[in-house]
Amino acid sequence: MSLDYSIIGERLKRARIAKGYTQEQLAEKIDVSVAFLSRVERGKSKVNLNRLNQLCSLLKISEGDILTGVGSTSENYLNKEFSSLLQNCPPNKVKLIYDIAKVIINENN
């Protein structure tokens, strides 16, 4: 799974705006230039994990939300990952995974 930095940047931008920060304010808080933050939000510059953690802390959003668009507390958590995983499986393994999931679900009910 490769990262789409333009989508990550867009999510960061939406989170920044939702928290009421300007690019200038947020850039100052994490000690980067406004130009760098702008490039990150446009997907033109990659953001490292340390910087992503800083941004997420300030914006009060999880790294998972930024990277995948779905937080671990969401009902849709892992749906995209399961779908991607199943697309790469041969049909007999998809059936096996389905049968195992069914047993696990029925065990808990």
Protein backbone atom coordinates (compact mmCIF):
# COMPACT_ATOMS: atom_id res chain seq x y z
CA MET A 1 0.00 0.00 0.00
CA SER A 2 1.60 3.25 -1.09
CA LEU A 3 0.76 6.54 0.53
CA ASP A 4 -1.00 9.23 -1.47
CA TYR A 5 0.50 12.39 -0.03
CA SER A 6 -2.04 14.64 -1.75
CA ILE A 7 -4.86 12.89 0.14
CA ILE A 8 -2.89 13.01 3.39
CA GLY A 9 -2.26 16.72 2.81
CA GLU A 10 -5.94 17.36 2.13
CA ARG A 11 -6.90 15.58 5.37
CA LEU A 12 -4.37 17.64 7.30
CA LYS A 13 -5.69 20.83 5.72
CA ARG A 14 -9.30 19.95 6.62
CA ALA A 15 -8.25 19.17 10.21
CA ARG A 16 -6.32 22.45 10.43
CA ILE A 17 -9.27 24.46 9.17
CA ALA A 18 -11.69 22.59 11.46
CA LYS A 19 -9.53 23.59 14.44
CA GLY A 20 -9.43 27.21 13.29
CA TYR A 21 -5.70 27.43 12.58
CA THR A 22 -4.21 29.38 9.71
CA GLN A 23 -1.20 27.88 7.95
CA GLU A 24 0.92 30.55 9.59
CA GLN A 25 -0.28 29.67 13.09
CA LEU A 26 0.18 25.94 12.65
CA ALA A 27 3.57 26.30 10.96
CA GLU A 28 4.77 28.44 13.87
CA LYS A 29 3.57 25.88 16.44
CA ILE A 30 5.54 23.03 14.82
CA ASP A 31 8.50 25.24 13.84
CA VAL A 32 8.34 24.84 10.06
CA SER A 33 7.95 27.38 7.29
CA VAL A 34 4.54 28.27 5.91
CA ALA A 35 5.86 27.25 2.49
CA PHE A 36 6.67 23.76 3.78
CA LEU A 37 3.26 23.34 5.41
CA SER A 38 1.60 24.53 2.22
CA ARG A 39 3.56 21.94 0.18
CA VAL A 40 2.55 19.21 2.66
CA GLU A 41 -1.12 20.19 2.38
CA ARG A 42 -0.87 20.09 -1.43
CA GLY A 43 0.92 16.72 -1.37
CA LYS A 44 4.09 18.21 -2.85
CA SER A 45 6.24 17.44 0.21
CA LYS A 46 6.26 14.28 2.27
CA VAL A 47 5.69 14.54 5.98
CA ASN A 48 7.77 12.28 8.25
CA LEU A 49 6.26 10.35 11.13
CA ASN A 50 7.65 12.66 13.79
CA ARG A 51 6.17 15.74 12.10
CA LEU A 52 2.89 13.88 11.46
CA ASN A 53 2.71 13.05 15.16
CA GLN A 54 3.25 16.73 16.05
CA LEU A 55 0.54 17.83 13.64
CA CYS A 56 -1.93 15.22 14.83
CA SER A 57 -1.29 16.13 18.47
CA LEU A 58 -1.98 19.80 17.83
CA LEU A 59 -5.01 19.08 15.65
CA LYS A 60 -6.36 16.49 18.11
CA ILE A 61 -6.74 13.84 15.40
CA SER A 62 -5.23 10.38 15.16
CA GLU A 63 -2.50 9.46 12.73
CA GLY A 64 -4.80 6.69 11.50
CA ASP A 65 -7.43 9.25 10.56
CA ILE A 66 -4.88 11.19 8.53
CA LEU A 67 -3.24 8.18 6.86
CA THR A 68 -6.33 6.10 6.11
CA GLY A 69 -9.24 8.49 6.48
CA VAL A 70 -10.78 6.16 9.05
CA GLY A 71 -10.09 6.26 12.77
CA SER A 72 -9.73 3.11 14.85
CA THR A 73 -12.93 3.98 16.71
CA SER A 74 -14.95 4.21 13.51
CA GLU A 75 -17.39 1.49 12.54
CA ASN A 76 -15.62 1.29 9.16
CA TYR A 77 -12.25 0.62 10.71
CA LEU A 78 -10.29 -1.87 8.57
CA ASN A 79 -13.00 -2.20 5.89
CA LYS A 80 -10.70 -0.80 3.21
CA GLU A 81 -7.82 -3.00 4.39
CA PHE A 82 -9.98 -6.14 4.33
CA SER A 83 -11.30 -5.27 0.90
CA SER A 84 -7.79 -4.75 -0.45
CA LEU A 85 -6.60 -7.97 1.16
CA LEU A 86 -9.46 -9.98 -0.32
CA GLN A 87 -8.93 -8.56 -3.81
CA ASN A 88 -5.50 -10.17 -3.88
CA CYS A 89 -6.70 -13.59 -2.68
CA PRO A 90 -7.69 -16.51 -4.88
CA PRO A 91 -11.41 -17.41 -4.61
CA ASN A 92 -10.80 -20.54 -2.52
CA LYS A 93 -8.96 -18.49 0.13
CA VAL A 94 -11.67 -15.81 0.12
CA LYS A 95 -14.22 -18.56 0.87
CA LEU A 96 -11.99 -19.92 3.67
CA ILE A 97 -11.62 -16.44 5.21
CA TYR A 98 -15.38 -15.96 4.98
CA ASP A 99 -16.06 -19.32 6.67
CA ILE A 100 -13.61 -18.55 9.48
CA ALA A 101 -15.10 -15.08 10.03
CA LYS A 102 -18.59 -16.59 10.16
CA VAL A 103 -17.51 -19.08 12.84
CA ILE A 104 -15.91 -16.31 14.91
CA ILE A 105 -18.98 -14.07 14.63
CA ASN A 106 -21.40 -16.86 15.48
CA GLU A 107 -19.25 -17.90 18.45
CA ASN A 108 -19.73 -14.48 20.04
CA ASN A 109 -23.51 -14.36 19.53
